[in-house]
Amino acid sequence: MTDKTVEKSETEWQKELDPLQYHVLRKHGTERAFTSPLNDEKRPGTFRCAGCGEPLFDSKTKYESGSGWPSFWAPMEGAVDTSTDRSHFMTRVEVHCAKCGGHLGHVFPDGPQPTGERYCMNGAALKFDEKK
């Protein structure tokens, strides 16, 4: 795992994030499918961590997975870390922001080429910056 460069107390995170962002990023929660406006985002730009602003995904890697969450076939180099998630009676690969450790979602081996991976991210964990 990358050395996190953004470390805050839970109180600081609660003050800076809205309740859904806090639930997802800091408590490993999940938003309801098809509720994030970022699921439909099609403009060129960069998807950043909603917790610390770190660039995570280029819009060129976003695709429509049909899962109900923003999905990407690859993160930016060094932007994310992963760990094993054994919650909910299954084993999955959890994806975290490498800079602040915030929970972003999970990665699955059923995505498109060139990687074959589906980074299924919570929209609440992301912010979008349109490329001008």
C-alpha atoms as a PDB file:
ATOM      1  CA  MET A   1       0.000   0.000   0.000  1.00  0.00           C
ATOM      2  CA  THR A   2       1.208   3.524  -0.814  1.00  0.00           C
ATOM      3  CA  ASP A   3       2.093   5.836   2.054  1.00  0.00           C
ATOM      4  CA  LYS A   4      -0.953   7.996   2.587  1.00  0.00           C
ATOM      5  CA  THR A   5      -0.121  11.683   2.477  1.00  0.00           C
ATOM      6  CA  VAL A   6      -3.495  12.940   3.678  1.00  0.00           C
ATOM      7  CA  GLU A   7      -4.389  11.929   7.209  1.00  0.00           C
ATOM      8  CA  LYS A   8      -7.248  13.521   9.143  1.00  0.00           C
ATOM      9  CA  SER A   9      -9.241  12.688  12.235  1.00  0.00           C
ATOM     10  CA  GLU A  10     -12.719  11.224  11.855  1.00  0.00           C
ATOM     11  CA  THR A  11     -14.088  14.539  13.146  1.00  0.00           C
ATOM     12  CA  GLU A  12     -12.245  16.441  10.413  1.00  0.00           C
ATOM     13  CA  TRP A  13     -13.551  14.039   7.735  1.00  0.00           C
ATOM     14  CA  GLN A  14     -17.121  14.399   9.031  1.00  0.00           C
ATOM     15  CA  LYS A  15     -16.876  18.194   8.843  1.00  0.00           C
ATOM     16  CA  GLU A  16     -15.469  18.192   5.293  1.00  0.00           C
ATOM     17  CA  LEU A  17     -17.623  15.518   3.643  1.00  0.00           C
ATOM     18  CA  ASP A  18     -21.378  15.352   3.205  1.00  0.00           C
ATOM     19  CA  PRO A  19     -23.083  12.401   4.958  1.00  0.00           C
ATOM     20  CA  LEU A  20     -23.093  10.115   1.883  1.00  0.00           C
ATOM     21  CA  GLN A  21     -19.464  10.900   1.030  1.00  0.00           C
ATOM     22  CA  TYR A  22     -18.463  10.167   4.631  1.00  0.00           C
ATOM     23  CA  HIS A  23     -20.422   6.896   4.643  1.00  0.00           C
ATOM     24  CA  VAL A  24     -18.760   5.729   1.417  1.00  0.00           C
ATOM     25  CA  LEU A  25     -15.216   7.090   1.763  1.00  0.00           C
ATOM     26  CA  ARG A  26     -14.610   6.595   5.483  1.00  0.00           C
ATOM     27  CA  LYS A  27     -17.045   3.800   6.489  1.00  0.00           C
ATOM     28  CA  HIS A  28     -16.693   1.620   3.360  1.00  0.00           C
ATOM     29  CA  GLY A  29     -20.325   2.174   2.416  1.00  0.00           C
ATOM     30  CA  THR A  30     -22.014   1.925  -0.967  1.00  0.00           C
ATOM     31  CA  GLU A  31     -24.457   4.282  -2.611  1.00  0.00           C
ATOM     32  CA  ARG A  32     -27.594   2.872  -4.247  1.00  0.00           C
ATOM     33  CA  ALA A  33     -27.108   1.824  -7.872  1.00  0.00           C
ATOM     34  CA  PHE A  34     -28.132   4.334 -10.569  1.00  0.00           C
ATOM     35  CA  THR A  35     -28.240   7.276  -8.102  1.00  0.00           C
ATOM     36  CA  SER A  36     -25.003   9.085  -8.964  1.00  0.00           C
ATOM     37  CA  PRO A  37     -25.065  11.752 -11.678  1.00  0.00           C
ATOM     38  CA  LEU A  38     -21.462  10.729 -12.448  1.00  0.00           C
ATOM     39  CA  ASN A  39     -22.764   7.422 -13.809  1.00  0.00           C
ATOM     40  CA  ASP A  40     -23.998   9.387 -16.845  1.00  0.00           C
ATOM     41  CA  GLU A  41     -20.982  11.727 -17.115  1.00  0.00           C
ATOM     42  CA  LYS A  42     -19.634  11.573 -20.691  1.00  0.00           C
ATOM     43  CA  ARG A  43     -17.518  14.739 -21.030  1.00  0.00           C
ATOM     44  CA  PRO A  44     -13.705  14.635 -21.296  1.00  0.00           C
ATOM     45  CA  GLY A  45     -12.034  15.223 -17.960  1.00  0.00           C
ATOM     46  CA  THR A  46     -10.675  13.772 -14.742  1.00  0.00           C
ATOM     47  CA  PHE A  47     -12.438  11.928 -11.937  1.00  0.00           C
ATOM     48  CA  ARG A  48     -10.872  12.868  -8.585  1.00  0.00           C
ATOM     49  CA  CYS A  49     -11.190  11.606  -5.024  1.00  0.00           C
ATOM     50  CA  ALA A  50     -14.015  13.501  -3.290  1.00  0.00           C
ATOM     51  CA  GLY A  51     -12.031  13.289  -0.060  1.00  0.00           C
ATOM     52  CA  CYS A  52      -8.648  14.708  -1.035  1.00  0.00           C
ATOM     53  CA  GLY A  53      -8.881  15.767  -4.695  1.00  0.00           C
ATOM     54  CA  GLU A  54      -6.326  13.243  -5.972  1.00  0.00           C
ATOM     55  CA  PRO A  55      -6.737  12.484  -9.732  1.00  0.00           C
ATOM     56  CA  LEU A  56      -7.937   8.868  -9.989  1.00  0.00           C
ATOM     57  CA  PHE A  57      -9.420   8.121 -13.421  1.00  0.00           C
ATOM     58  CA  ASP A  58      -9.196   9.719 -16.853  1.00  0.00           C
ATOM     59  CA  SER A  59     -12.571   9.925 -18.588  1.00  0.00           C
ATOM     60  CA  LYS A  60     -11.043   8.042 -21.548  1.00  0.00           C
ATOM     61  CA  THR A  61     -11.121   4.883 -19.399  1.00  0.00           C
ATOM     62  CA  LYS A  62     -14.794   5.244 -18.386  1.00  0.00           C
ATOM     63  CA  TYR A  63     -17.348   2.953 -19.976  1.00  0.00           C
ATOM     64  CA  GLU A  64     -20.977   1.929 -19.542  1.00  0.00           C
ATOM     65  CA  SER A  65     -20.936  -1.319 -17.561  1.00  0.00           C
ATOM     66  CA  GLY A  66     -24.675  -1.407 -16.860  1.00  0.00           C
ATOM     67  CA  SER A  67     -23.893  -1.941 -13.161  1.00  0.00           C
ATOM     68  CA  GLY A  68     -25.389   1.353 -11.977  1.00  0.00           C
ATOM     69  CA  TRP A  69     -22.079   2.802 -10.790  1.00  0.00           C
ATOM     70  CA  PRO A  70     -19.401   4.752 -12.677  1.00  0.00           C
ATOM     71  CA  SER A  71     -17.052   2.139 -14.163  1.00  0.00           C
ATOM     72  CA  PHE A  72     -13.548   2.408 -15.562  1.00  0.00           C
ATOM     73  CA  TRP A  73     -11.165  -0.100 -17.145  1.00  0.00           C
ATOM     74  CA  ALA A  74      -8.053   1.401 -15.483  1.00  0.00           C
ATOM     75  CA  PRO A  75      -7.071   3.982 -12.856  1.00  0.00           C
ATOM     76  CA  MET A  76      -4.314   6.538 -13.331  1.00  0.00           C
ATOM     77  CA  GLU A  77      -0.893   5.155 -12.477  1.00  0.00           C
ATOM     78  CA  GLY A  78      -0.300   5.012  -8.718  1.00  0.00           C
ATOM     79  CA  ALA A  79      -3.668   6.616  -7.911  1.00  0.00           C
ATOM     80  CA  VAL A  80      -5.306   3.675  -6.139  1.00  0.00           C
ATOM     81  CA  ASP A  81      -4.454   0.852  -3.773  1.00  0.00           C
ATOM     82  CA  THR A  82      -6.367  -2.375  -3.255  1.00  0.00           C
ATOM     83  CA  SER A  83      -7.081  -4.729  -0.379  1.00  0.00           C
ATOM     84  CA  THR A  84      -9.116  -7.878   0.205  1.00  0.00           C
ATOM     85  CA  ASP A  85     -12.704  -7.262   1.329  1.00  0.00           C
ATOM     86  CA  ARG A  86     -14.400 -10.271   2.930  1.00  0.00           C
ATOM     87  CA  SER A  87     -17.610  -8.506   3.978  1.00  0.00           C
ATOM     88  CA  HIS A  88     -21.124  -9.566   2.962  1.00  0.00           C
ATOM     89  CA  PHE A  89     -20.207 -13.284   2.787  1.00  0.00           C
ATOM     90  CA  MET A  90     -17.984 -12.860  -0.279  1.00  0.00           C
ATOM     91  CA  THR A  91     -14.401 -12.015  -1.192  1.00  0.00           C
ATOM     92  CA  ARG A  92     -13.830  -8.961  -3.359  1.00  0.00           C
ATOM     93  CA  VAL A  93     -10.978  -6.595  -4.181  1.00  0.00           C
ATOM     94  CA  GLU A  94     -11.612  -3.237  -2.528  1.00  0.00           C
ATOM     95  CA  VAL A  95     -10.227  -0.065  -4.141  1.00  0.00           C
ATOM     96  CA  HIS A  96      -8.919   2.867  -2.058  1.00  0.00           C
ATOM     97  CA  CYS A  97      -7.485   6.281  -2.881  1.00  0.00           C
ATOM     98  CA  ALA A  98      -3.711   5.939  -2.549  1.00  0.00           C
ATOM     99  CA  LYS A  99      -3.414   9.466  -1.138  1.00  0.00           C
ATOM    100  CA  CYS A 100      -6.065   9.495   1.627  1.00  0.00           C
ATOM    101  CA  GLY A 101      -7.101   5.843   1.911  1.00  0.00           C
ATOM    102  CA  GLY A 102     -10.760   6.615   1.169  1.00  0.00           C
ATOM    103  CA  HIS A 103     -12.936   3.690   0.024  1.00  0.00           C
ATOM    104  CA  LEU A 104     -13.848   4.116  -3.650  1.00  0.00           C
ATOM    105  CA  GLY A 105     -15.466   0.807  -4.623  1.00  0.00           C
ATOM    106  CA  HIS A 106     -14.307  -2.565  -5.935  1.00  0.00           C
ATOM    107  CA  VAL A 107     -12.507  -3.962  -8.978  1.00  0.00           C
ATOM    108  CA  PHE A 108     -13.768  -7.040 -10.827  1.00  0.00           C
ATOM    109  CA  PRO A 109     -12.201  -9.172 -13.596  1.00  0.00           C
ATOM    110  CA  ASP A 110     -15.139  -8.723 -16.011  1.00  0.00           C
ATOM    111  CA  GLY A 111     -14.283  -5.446 -17.726  1.00  0.00           C
ATOM    112  CA  PRO A 112     -13.423  -4.583 -21.303  1.00  0.00           C
ATOM    113  CA  GLN A 113     -10.031  -4.744 -22.957  1.00  0.00           C
ATOM    114  CA  PRO A 114      -7.305  -3.655 -22.791  1.00  0.00           C
ATOM    115  CA  THR A 115      -7.254  -4.545 -19.058  1.00  0.00           C
ATOM    116  CA  GLY A 116     -10.257  -6.839 -18.643  1.00  0.00           C
ATOM    117  CA  GLU A 117     -10.960  -5.058 -15.353  1.00  0.00           C
ATOM    118  CA  ARG A 118     -14.026  -3.169 -14.131  1.00  0.00           C
ATOM    119  CA  TYR A 119     -13.286  -0.540 -11.516  1.00  0.00           C
ATOM    120  CA  CYS A 120     -16.809  -0.145 -10.145  1.00  0.00           C
ATOM    121  CA  MET A 121     -16.679   3.123  -8.201  1.00  0.00           C
ATOM    122  CA  ASN A 122     -19.139   4.927  -5.973  1.00  0.00           C
ATOM    123  CA  GLY A 123     -20.005   8.273  -7.532  1.00  0.00           C
ATOM    124  CA  ALA A 124     -20.151   9.789  -4.021  1.00  0.00           C
ATOM    125  CA  ALA A 125     -16.433   9.025  -3.683  1.00  0.00           C
ATOM    126  CA  LEU A 126     -15.614  10.986  -6.847  1.00  0.00           C
ATOM    127  CA  LYS A 127     -15.649  14.544  -8.150  1.00  0.00           C
ATOM    128  CA  PHE A 128     -15.426  15.365 -11.848  1.00  0.00           C
ATOM    129  CA  ASP A 129     -13.320  18.096 -13.434  1.00  0.00           C
ATOM    130  CA  GLU A 130     -14.248  18.757 -17.055  1.00  0.00           C
ATOM    131  CA  LYS A 131     -11.304  19.190 -19.417  1.00  0.00           C
ATOM    132  CA  LYS A 132     -11.468  22.690 -20.894  1.00  0.00           C
END
